[in-house]
Amino acid sequence: MNERQLSRPDSYEATRALALRLAAPILSAPEAGGLNKTMPVELCPGNKGNRAAFSSLEALGRLLAGLAPLLEYAYRHEQDHELLGQVHKLLDVSTDPEHPQRLNFNAGNHCVVDAAFLAQAITRAPGALWEALSQNVQHNIVQSLRSTRNYLPLYNNWLLFSAMIEVALFQAQEK
């Protein structure tokens, strides 16, 4: 979905309604005790991995990457202040190092993948997901993204995930 498609009559409202229905469990997480508390974690039978360490960051990053065009449209056209407020609060509590709902950006190398989706969202919606944020939230996001540098990407498509994080940091003027 792009801005031209969203500007067609009724397209924005229809897209918004569907997006909100799908995103509601994640957007309402701060009021319900946080993503780490409310996020259901499912494993395939026989899988003994611990997805709980990074599933909340995965949900946040992928949700915002998908919502980015809608959020940017709303920001640029001064619409949907309530939705943008929910997203900003979610970003705030998810990256605040002092907040109990902070997501773990250091739970192993898979966090590089999940943080890259958050970085992609920020680059796709720079107004809604960067310019509109307070300097404190911007700082916390930068620190969270920078913390993924502790993990070297695997020499495969994961190089692109690290690169996406670096693009977002560059756009934030963090080099």
N, C-alpha and C. Protein backbone atom coordinates (compact mmCIF):
# COMPACT_ATOMS: atom_id res chain seq x y z
N MET A 1 0.86 -1.16 0.00
CA MET A 1 0.00 0.00 0.00
C MET A 1 0.91 1.23 0.00
N ASN A 2 0.57 2.19 -0.84
CA ASN A 2 1.34 3.43 -0.89
C ASN A 2 0.40 4.62 -0.74
N GLU A 3 0.98 5.82 -0.74
CA GLU A 3 0.16 7.02 -0.49
C GLU A 3 -0.89 7.23 -1.58
N ARG A 4 -0.55 6.93 -2.82
CA ARG A 4 -1.52 7.11 -3.90
C ARG A 4 -2.71 6.19 -3.70
N GLN A 5 -2.46 4.95 -3.31
CA GLN A 5 -3.55 4.02 -3.07
C GLN A 5 -4.39 4.44 -1.86
N LEU A 6 -3.73 4.95 -0.82
CA LEU A 6 -4.45 5.37 0.37
C LEU A 6 -5.31 6.60 0.14
N SER A 7 -4.94 7.42 -0.85
CA SER A 7 -5.68 8.66 -1.09
C SER A 7 -6.97 8.45 -1.88
N ARG A 8 -7.20 7.24 -2.39
CA ARG A 8 -8.46 6.99 -3.10
C ARG A 8 -9.61 7.02 -2.11
N PRO A 9 -10.80 7.42 -2.58
CA PRO A 9 -11.96 7.51 -1.67
C PRO A 9 -12.19 6.18 -0.94
N ASP A 10 -12.39 6.26 0.34
CA ASP A 10 -12.68 5.13 1.22
C ASP A 10 -11.52 4.16 1.40
N SER A 11 -10.46 4.30 0.64
CA SER A 11 -9.35 3.36 0.76
C SER A 11 -8.66 3.49 2.11
N TYR A 12 -8.43 4.72 2.55
CA TYR A 12 -7.76 4.93 3.84
C TYR A 12 -8.58 4.33 4.97
N GLU A 13 -9.86 4.63 4.99
CA GLU A 13 -10.71 4.14 6.09
C GLU A 13 -10.81 2.62 6.09
N ALA A 14 -10.94 2.01 4.92
CA ALA A 14 -11.02 0.56 4.86
C ALA A 14 -9.71 -0.08 5.31
N THR A 15 -8.60 0.47 4.85
CA THR A 15 -7.29 -0.04 5.24
C THR A 15 -7.07 0.14 6.73
N ARG A 16 -7.44 1.30 7.24
CA ARG A 16 -7.29 1.61 8.65
C ARG A 16 -8.10 0.64 9.51
N ALA A 17 -9.33 0.39 9.13
CA ALA A 17 -10.19 -0.50 9.91
C ALA A 17 -9.60 -1.90 9.99
N LEU A 18 -9.14 -2.42 8.86
CA LEU A 18 -8.54 -3.75 8.86
C LEU A 18 -7.25 -3.76 9.67
N ALA A 19 -6.41 -2.76 9.47
CA ALA A 19 -5.14 -2.70 10.19
C ALA A 19 -5.36 -2.64 11.70
N LEU A 20 -6.30 -1.83 12.14
CA LEU A 20 -6.57 -1.71 13.57
C LEU A 20 -7.10 -3.00 14.16
N ARG A 21 -7.93 -3.68 13.41
CA ARG A 21 -8.45 -4.96 13.91
C ARG A 21 -7.31 -5.96 14.10
N LEU A 22 -6.39 -6.01 13.14
CA LEU A 22 -5.27 -6.95 13.23
C LEU A 22 -4.24 -6.52 14.27
N ALA A 23 -4.04 -5.22 14.43
CA ALA A 23 -2.99 -4.70 15.30
C ALA A 23 -3.44 -4.50 16.75
N ALA A 24 -4.72 -4.59 17.02
CA ALA A 24 -5.25 -4.25 18.34
C ALA A 24 -4.54 -4.96 19.50
N PRO A 25 -4.26 -6.25 19.42
CA PRO A 25 -3.61 -6.90 20.57
C PRO A 25 -2.22 -6.32 20.89
N ILE A 26 -1.51 -5.91 19.88
CA ILE A 26 -0.17 -5.36 20.11
C ILE A 26 -0.26 -3.90 20.53
N LEU A 27 -1.12 -3.13 19.87
CA LEU A 27 -1.25 -1.71 20.21
C LEU A 27 -1.81 -1.49 21.61
N SER A 28 -2.59 -2.42 22.09
CA SER A 28 -3.17 -2.27 23.42
C SER A 28 -2.29 -2.89 24.51
N ALA A 29 -1.17 -3.46 24.14
CA ALA A 29 -0.30 -4.14 25.10
C ALA A 29 0.19 -3.25 26.25
N PRO A 30 0.56 -1.98 26.01
CA PRO A 30 1.03 -1.19 27.15
C PRO A 30 0.00 -1.08 28.28
N GLU A 31 -1.26 -0.99 27.94
CA GLU A 31 -2.30 -0.89 28.97
C GLU A 31 -2.60 -2.25 29.60
N ALA A 32 -2.24 -3.34 28.92
CA ALA A 32 -2.56 -4.67 29.41
C ALA A 32 -1.38 -5.34 30.12
N GLY A 33 -0.34 -4.60 30.41
CA GLY A 33 0.78 -5.18 31.12
C GLY A 33 2.03 -5.35 30.29
N GLY A 34 1.97 -5.01 29.01
CA GLY A 34 3.15 -5.07 28.16
C GLY A 34 3.19 -6.27 27.24
N LEU A 35 3.89 -6.12 26.15
CA LEU A 35 4.00 -7.20 25.17
C LEU A 35 4.64 -8.44 25.77
N ASN A 36 5.66 -8.26 26.58
CA ASN A 36 6.32 -9.43 27.17
C ASN A 36 5.38 -10.25 28.04
N LYS A 37 4.39 -9.58 28.63
CA LYS A 37 3.45 -10.26 29.51
C LYS A 37 2.28 -10.87 28.72
N THR A 38 1.80 -10.16 27.71
CA THR A 38 0.58 -10.58 27.02
C THR A 38 0.82 -11.38 25.74
N MET A 39 2.05 -11.40 25.26
CA MET A 39 2.36 -12.03 23.97
C MET A 39 2.31 -13.55 24.08
N PRO A 40 1.38 -14.20 23.38
CA PRO A 40 1.40 -15.67 23.39
C PRO A 40 2.57 -16.17 22.55
N VAL A 41 3.23 -17.19 23.03
CA VAL A 41 4.37 -17.76 22.32
C VAL A 41 4.04 -19.21 22.01
N GLU A 42 4.05 -19.54 20.73
CA GLU A 42 3.76 -20.90 20.31
C GLU A 42 4.99 -21.52 19.68
N LEU A 43 5.16 -22.81 19.89
CA LEU A 43 6.26 -23.55 19.31
C LEU A 43 5.71 -24.73 18.52
N CYS A 44 6.41 -25.09 17.48
CA CYS A 44 6.06 -26.29 16.75
C CYS A 44 6.31 -27.49 17.65
N PRO A 45 5.54 -28.54 17.49
CA PRO A 45 5.79 -29.74 18.30
C PRO A 45 7.24 -30.20 18.13
N GLY A 46 7.89 -30.47 19.25
CA GLY A 46 9.27 -30.93 19.22
C GLY A 46 10.30 -29.82 19.25
N ASN A 47 9.87 -28.58 19.07
CA ASN A 47 10.79 -27.44 19.10
C ASN A 47 11.05 -27.06 20.54
N LYS A 48 12.29 -27.09 20.95
CA LYS A 48 12.63 -26.77 22.32
C LYS A 48 13.22 -25.36 22.46
N GLY A 49 13.19 -24.58 21.37
CA GLY A 49 13.74 -23.23 21.40
C GLY A 49 12.94 -22.30 22.29
N ASN A 50 13.55 -21.21 22.67
CA ASN A 50 12.87 -20.24 23.52
C ASN A 50 12.57 -18.98 22.71
N ARG A 51 11.42 -18.96 22.09
CA ARG A 51 11.01 -17.81 21.29
C ARG A 51 10.53 -16.65 22.16
N ALA A 52 10.24 -16.92 23.42
CA ALA A 52 9.72 -15.87 24.30
C ALA A 52 10.70 -14.72 24.43
N ALA A 53 11.98 -14.99 24.30
CA ALA A 53 13.00 -13.95 24.47
C ALA A 53 12.91 -12.87 23.40
N PHE A 54 12.43 -13.23 22.21
CA PHE A 54 12.42 -12.26 21.12
C PHE A 54 11.08 -12.13 20.40
N SER A 55 10.07 -12.88 20.78
CA SER A 55 8.80 -12.83 20.04
C SER A 55 8.10 -11.47 20.14
N SER A 56 8.25 -10.78 21.25
CA SER A 56 7.61 -9.47 21.39
C SER A 56 8.24 -8.45 20.45
N LEU A 57 9.57 -8.45 20.35
CA LEU A 57 10.26 -7.56 19.42
C LEU A 57 9.90 -7.92 17.98
N GLU A 58 9.77 -9.20 17.72
CA GLU A 58 9.37 -9.66 16.39
C GLU A 58 7.98 -9.10 16.04
N ALA A 59 7.06 -9.19 16.97
CA ALA A 59 5.69 -8.70 16.74
C ALA A 59 5.69 -7.19 16.51
N LEU A 60 6.42 -6.45 17.34
CA LEU A 60 6.47 -5.00 17.20
C LEU A 60 7.07 -4.60 15.85
N GLY A 61 8.22 -5.14 15.53
CA GLY A 61 8.90 -4.78 14.28
C GLY A 61 8.08 -5.10 13.05
N ARG A 62 7.55 -6.29 13.00
CA ARG A 62 6.78 -6.69 11.81
C ARG A 62 5.46 -5.94 11.71
N LEU A 63 4.83 -5.66 12.85
CA LEU A 63 3.59 -4.88 12.82
C LEU A 63 3.86 -3.48 12.26
N LEU A 64 4.88 -2.82 12.79
CA LEU A 64 5.15 -1.45 12.35
C LEU A 64 5.66 -1.40 10.92
N ALA A 65 6.39 -2.41 10.49
CA ALA A 65 6.82 -2.46 9.09
C ALA A 65 5.60 -2.54 8.17
N GLY A 66 4.60 -3.30 8.57
CA GLY A 66 3.38 -3.40 7.77
C GLY A 66 2.51 -2.16 7.83
N LEU A 67 2.47 -1.52 8.99
CA LEU A 67 1.63 -0.33 9.16
C LEU A 67 2.30 0.95 8.68
N ALA A 68 3.57 0.92 8.38
CA ALA A 68 4.33 2.13 8.08
C ALA A 68 3.67 3.04 7.04
N PRO A 69 3.22 2.53 5.89
CA PRO A 69 2.59 3.45 4.92
C PRO A 69 1.33 4.12 5.48
N LEU A 70 0.53 3.37 6.19
CA LEU A 70 -0.69 3.92 6.79
C LEU A 70 -0.35 4.98 7.84
N LEU A 71 0.64 4.70 8.67
CA LEU A 71 1.05 5.64 9.70
C LEU A 71 1.62 6.92 9.10
N GLU A 72 2.43 6.77 8.07
CA GLU A 72 3.01 7.95 7.43
C GLU A 72 1.94 8.80 6.76
N TYR A 73 0.99 8.14 6.11
CA TYR A 73 -0.12 8.87 5.49
C TYR A 73 -0.91 9.65 6.55
N ALA A 74 -1.20 8.98 7.66
CA ALA A 74 -1.94 9.65 8.74
C ALA A 74 -1.16 10.84 9.28
N TYR A 75 0.13 10.67 9.44
CA TYR A 75 0.96 11.77 9.96
C TYR A 75 1.01 12.93 8.98
N ARG A 76 1.25 12.65 7.72
CA ARG A 76 1.38 13.70 6.71
C ARG A 76 0.07 14.44 6.46
N HIS A 77 -1.04 13.75 6.67
CA HIS A 77 -2.35 14.37 6.44
C HIS A 77 -3.05 14.75 7.74
N GLU A 78 -2.29 14.75 8.84
CA GLU A 78 -2.79 15.14 10.15
C GLU A 78 -4.10 14.44 10.51
N GLN A 79 -4.06 13.12 10.36
CA GLN A 79 -5.20 12.29 10.70
C GLN A 79 -4.79 11.28 11.77
N ASP A 80 -5.76 10.68 12.38
CA ASP A 80 -5.55 9.52 13.24
C ASP A 80 -4.57 9.76 14.38
N HIS A 81 -4.75 10.83 15.09
CA HIS A 81 -3.86 11.16 16.21
C HIS A 81 -3.91 10.08 17.29
N GLU A 82 -5.06 9.44 17.45
CA GLU A 82 -5.18 8.38 18.46
C GLU A 82 -4.30 7.18 18.09
N LEU A 83 -4.35 6.75 16.84
CA LEU A 83 -3.52 5.63 16.39
C LEU A 83 -2.04 5.97 16.54
N LEU A 84 -1.65 7.15 16.08
CA LEU A 84 -0.25 7.55 16.19
C LEU A 84 0.17 7.62 17.66
N GLY A 85 -0.71 8.09 18.51
CA GLY A 85 -0.40 8.13 19.94
C GLY A 85 -0.18 6.75 20.53
N GLN A 86 -1.00 5.78 20.11
CA GLN A 86 -0.82 4.40 20.59
C GLN A 86 0.53 3.85 20.13
N VAL A 87 0.87 4.10 18.89
CA VAL A 87 2.14 3.60 18.34
C VAL A 87 3.31 4.26 19.06
N HIS A 88 3.22 5.56 19.29
CA HIS A 88 4.30 6.26 19.97
C HIS A 88 4.48 5.76 21.40
N LYS A 89 3.37 5.51 22.08
CA LYS A 89 3.46 4.98 23.44
C LYS A 89 4.09 3.59 23.43
N LEU A 90 3.70 2.77 22.46
CA LEU A 90 4.27 1.43 22.35
C LEU A 90 5.77 1.49 22.10
N LEU A 91 6.20 2.40 21.23
CA LEU A 91 7.64 2.57 20.99
C LEU A 91 8.36 3.07 22.25
N ASP A 92 7.72 3.97 22.96
CA ASP A 92 8.31 4.52 24.17
C ASP A 92 8.56 3.41 25.20
N VAL A 93 7.53 2.69 25.55
CA VAL A 93 7.69 1.67 26.60
C VAL A 93 8.53 0.49 26.12
N SER A 94 8.56 0.25 24.82
CA SER A 94 9.32 -0.88 24.28
C SER A 94 10.82 -0.63 24.23
N THR A 95 11.22 0.65 24.25
CA THR A 95 12.64 0.96 24.14
C THR A 95 13.21 1.68 25.35
N ASP A 96 12.38 2.05 26.31
CA ASP A 96 12.83 2.77 27.50
C ASP A 96 13.60 1.80 28.40
N PRO A 97 14.89 2.03 28.63
CA PRO A 97 15.68 1.09 29.43
C PRO A 97 15.23 0.98 30.88
N GLU A 98 14.47 1.96 31.37
CA GLU A 98 14.00 1.94 32.76
C GLU A 98 12.59 1.37 32.89
N HIS A 99 11.95 1.09 31.78
CA HIS A 99 10.56 0.65 31.83
C HIS A 99 10.48 -0.88 31.92
N PRO A 100 9.60 -1.40 32.77
CA PRO A 100 9.50 -2.86 32.89
C PRO A 100 9.00 -3.56 31.62
N GLN A 101 8.38 -2.80 30.71
CA GLN A 101 7.89 -3.40 29.47
C GLN A 101 8.92 -3.33 28.33
N ARG A 102 10.12 -2.87 28.61
CA ARG A 102 11.14 -2.74 27.56
C ARG A 102 11.37 -4.10 26.90
N LEU A 103 11.50 -4.05 25.59
CA LEU A 103 11.76 -5.27 24.84
C LEU A 103 13.25 -5.56 24.84
N ASN A 104 13.57 -6.83 24.64
CA ASN A 104 14.95 -7.27 24.69
C ASN A 104 15.56 -7.23 23.29
N PHE A 105 16.46 -6.31 23.07
CA PHE A 105 17.16 -6.19 21.79
C PHE A 105 18.47 -6.98 21.81
N ASN A 106 18.70 -7.73 22.88
CA ASN A 106 19.94 -8.47 23.05
C ASN A 106 19.72 -9.93 23.42
N ALA A 107 18.62 -10.51 23.01
CA ALA A 107 18.29 -11.89 23.39
C ALA A 107 18.85 -12.90 22.39
N GLY A 108 19.98 -12.62 21.84
CA GLY A 108 20.57 -13.51 20.85
C GLY A 108 20.54 -12.90 19.47
N ASN A 109 21.19 -13.57 18.55
CA ASN A 109 21.34 -12.97 17.22
C ASN A 109 20.03 -12.83 16.45
N HIS A 110 18.98 -13.51 16.83
CA HIS A 110 17.71 -13.35 16.13
C HIS A 110 17.13 -11.96 16.33
N CYS A 111 17.52 -11.28 17.38
CA CYS A 111 17.04 -9.91 17.61
C CYS A 111 17.49 -8.97 16.50
N VAL A 112 18.59 -9.31 15.81
CA VAL A 112 19.02 -8.49 14.67
C VAL A 112 17.93 -8.50 13.60
N VAL A 113 17.36 -9.65 13.36
CA VAL A 113 16.29 -9.78 12.37
C VAL A 113 15.08 -8.94 12.78
N ASP A 114 14.69 -9.08 14.01
CA ASP A 114 13.48 -8.40 14.49
C ASP A 114 13.68 -6.89 14.60
N ALA A 115 14.85 -6.47 15.04
CA ALA A 115 15.15 -5.04 15.09
C ALA A 115 15.21 -4.44 13.69
N ALA A 116 15.61 -5.24 12.71
CA ALA A 116 15.67 -4.76 11.33
C ALA A 116 14.27 -4.42 10.80
N PHE A 117 13.26 -5.16 11.21
CA PHE A 117 11.90 -4.82 10.80
C PHE A 117 11.47 -3.50 11.42
N LEU A 118 11.85 -3.25 12.67
CA LEU A 118 11.57 -1.96 13.29
C LEU A 118 12.31 -0.85 12.54
N ALA A 119 13.56 -1.10 12.20
CA ALA A 119 14.35 -0.12 11.45
C ALA A 119 13.72 0.16 10.09
N GLN A 120 13.24 -0.89 9.43
CA GLN A 120 12.57 -0.71 8.14
C GLN A 120 11.33 0.16 8.29
N ALA A 121 10.57 -0.06 9.34
CA ALA A 121 9.37 0.74 9.57
C ALA A 121 9.74 2.21 9.74
N ILE A 122 10.80 2.48 10.48
CA ILE A 122 11.22 3.86 10.71
C ILE A 122 11.65 4.51 9.40
N THR A 123 12.33 3.78 8.55
CA THR A 123 12.76 4.36 7.28
C THR A 123 11.60 4.53 6.31
N ARG A 124 10.56 3.71 6.43
CA ARG A 124 9.40 3.82 5.56
C ARG A 124 8.42 4.89 6.02
N ALA A 125 8.46 5.21 7.31
CA ALA A 125 7.54 6.22 7.87
C ALA A 125 8.35 7.19 8.73
N PRO A 126 9.25 7.95 8.11
CA PRO A 126 10.13 8.81 8.91
C PRO A 126 9.40 9.91 9.66
N GLY A 127 8.30 10.38 9.15
CA GLY A 127 7.54 11.41 9.85
C GLY A 127 6.85 10.84 11.08
N ALA A 128 6.08 9.80 10.86
CA ALA A 128 5.27 9.21 11.91
C ALA A 128 6.09 8.47 12.95
N LEU A 129 7.16 7.81 12.51
CA LEU A 129 7.92 6.95 13.42
C LEU A 129 9.29 7.50 13.79
N TRP A 130 9.55 8.76 13.43
CA TRP A 130 10.79 9.38 13.87
C TRP A 130 10.58 10.85 14.23
N GLU A 131 10.21 11.66 13.26
CA GLU A 131 10.07 13.10 13.48
C GLU A 131 9.07 13.41 14.59
N ALA A 132 8.00 12.66 14.67
CA ALA A 132 6.93 12.93 15.64
C ALA A 132 7.28 12.46 17.06
N LEU A 133 8.36 11.74 17.22
CA LEU A 133 8.74 11.21 18.53
C LEU A 133 9.53 12.25 19.32
N SER A 134 9.45 12.14 20.62
CA SER A 134 10.25 13.02 21.47
C SER A 134 11.73 12.63 21.33
N GLN A 135 12.61 13.55 21.68
CA GLN A 135 14.04 13.26 21.61
C GLN A 135 14.42 12.10 22.52
N ASN A 136 13.74 11.96 23.63
CA ASN A 136 14.03 10.86 24.55
C ASN A 136 13.71 9.51 23.91
N VAL A 137 12.56 9.41 23.26
CA VAL A 137 12.19 8.16 22.60
C VAL A 137 13.13 7.89 21.43
N GLN A 138 13.47 8.93 20.66
CA GLN A 138 14.44 8.75 19.58
C GLN A 138 15.76 8.21 20.12
N HIS A 139 16.23 8.78 21.22
CA HIS A 139 17.48 8.32 21.83
C HIS A 139 17.38 6.85 22.23
N ASN A 140 16.26 6.47 22.85
CA ASN A 140 16.08 5.09 23.28
C ASN A 140 16.04 4.13 22.10
N ILE A 141 15.41 4.54 21.01
CA ILE A 141 15.39 3.70 19.82
C ILE A 141 16.79 3.53 19.26
N VAL A 142 17.52 4.62 19.18
CA VAL A 142 18.91 4.55 18.67
C VAL A 142 19.73 3.61 19.54
N GLN A 143 19.63 3.76 20.85
CA GLN A 143 20.40 2.89 21.75
C GLN A 143 19.99 1.42 21.58
N SER A 144 18.70 1.18 21.42
CA SER A 144 18.22 -0.19 21.23
C SER A 144 18.75 -0.78 19.92
N LEU A 145 18.67 -0.01 18.85
CA LEU A 145 19.17 -0.50 17.56
C LEU A 145 20.68 -0.69 17.60
N ARG A 146 21.38 0.23 18.23
CA ARG A 146 22.83 0.11 18.32
C ARG A 146 23.24 -1.12 19.12
N SER A 147 22.43 -1.53 20.08
CA SER A 147 22.79 -2.69 20.90
C SER A 147 22.83 -3.98 20.09
N THR A 148 22.17 -3.99 18.94
CA THR A 148 22.21 -5.20 18.11
C THR A 148 23.56 -5.37 17.43
N ARG A 149 24.39 -4.35 17.47
CA ARG A 149 25.73 -4.46 16.89
C ARG A 149 26.60 -5.46 17.64
N ASN A 150 26.15 -5.91 18.79
CA ASN A 150 26.89 -6.93 19.55
C ASN A 150 26.90 -8.27 18.82
N TYR A 151 26.04 -8.42 17.84
CA TYR A 151 25.93 -9.69 17.11
C TYR A 151 26.37 -9.50 15.67
N LEU A 152 27.34 -10.27 15.27
CA LEU A 152 27.75 -10.24 13.87
C LEU A 152 26.71 -11.00 13.05
N PRO A 153 26.30 -10.45 11.93
CA PRO A 153 25.30 -11.16 11.12
C PRO A 153 25.93 -12.40 10.49
N LEU A 154 25.12 -13.38 10.29
CA LEU A 154 25.57 -14.56 9.55
C LEU A 154 25.86 -14.14 8.12
N TYR A 155 26.73 -14.85 7.47
CA TYR A 155 27.13 -14.48 6.11
C TYR A 155 26.11 -15.04 5.11
N ASN A 156 24.94 -14.46 5.14
CA ASN A 156 23.85 -14.84 4.23
C ASN A 156 22.91 -13.63 4.16
N ASN A 157 21.63 -13.87 3.99
CA ASN A 157 20.69 -12.75 3.90
C ASN A 157 20.62 -11.94 5.19
N TRP A 158 21.15 -12.45 6.27
CA TRP A 158 21.14 -11.71 7.52
C TRP A 158 22.02 -10.46 7.43
N LEU A 159 22.94 -10.41 6.49
CA LEU A 159 23.70 -9.18 6.27
C LEU A 159 22.77 -8.02 5.95
N LEU A 160 21.69 -8.33 5.25
CA LEU A 160 20.72 -7.29 4.90
C LEU A 160 19.98 -6.76 6.13
N PHE A 161 19.76 -7.61 7.11
CA PHE A 161 19.10 -7.16 8.34
C PHE A 161 19.99 -6.15 9.07
N SER A 162 21.27 -6.48 9.21
CA SER A 162 22.20 -5.54 9.84
C SER A 162 22.28 -4.24 9.04
N ALA A 163 22.28 -4.38 7.72
CA ALA A 163 22.35 -3.19 6.86
C ALA A 163 21.12 -2.31 7.05
N MET A 164 19.95 -2.90 7.22
CA MET A 164 18.74 -2.12 7.41
C MET A 164 18.82 -1.33 8.72
N ILE A 165 19.35 -1.94 9.75
CA ILE A 165 19.52 -1.25 11.03
C ILE A 165 20.48 -0.07 10.85
N GLU A 166 21.56 -0.30 10.11
CA GLU A 166 22.53 0.78 9.89
C GLU A 166 21.93 1.92 9.06
N VAL A 167 21.06 1.60 8.12
CA VAL A 167 20.38 2.64 7.34
C VAL A 167 19.53 3.51 8.27
N ALA A 168 18.77 2.87 9.15
CA ALA A 168 17.94 3.64 10.09
C ALA A 168 18.80 4.49 11.00
N LEU A 169 19.90 3.95 11.49
CA LEU A 169 20.79 4.72 12.34
C LEU A 169 21.41 5.89 11.57
N PHE A 170 21.76 5.65 10.33
CA PHE A 170 22.32 6.73 9.50
C PHE A 170 21.28 7.83 9.31
N GLN A 171 20.05 7.44 9.00
CA GLN A 171 19.00 8.44 8.84
C GLN A 171 18.74 9.21 10.13
N ALA A 172 19.01 8.58 11.25
CA ALA A 172 18.85 9.25 12.55
C ALA A 172 20.10 10.08 12.88
N GLN A 173 21.03 10.13 11.93
CA GLN A 173 22.29 10.87 12.10
C GLN A 173 23.20 10.24 13.14
N GLU A 174 23.04 8.94 13.37
CA GLU A 174 23.91 8.21 14.28
C GLU A 174 24.85 7.37 13.45
N LYS A 175 26.13 7.68 13.50
CA LYS A 175 27.10 6.96 12.70
C LYS A 175 28.09 6.23 13.56
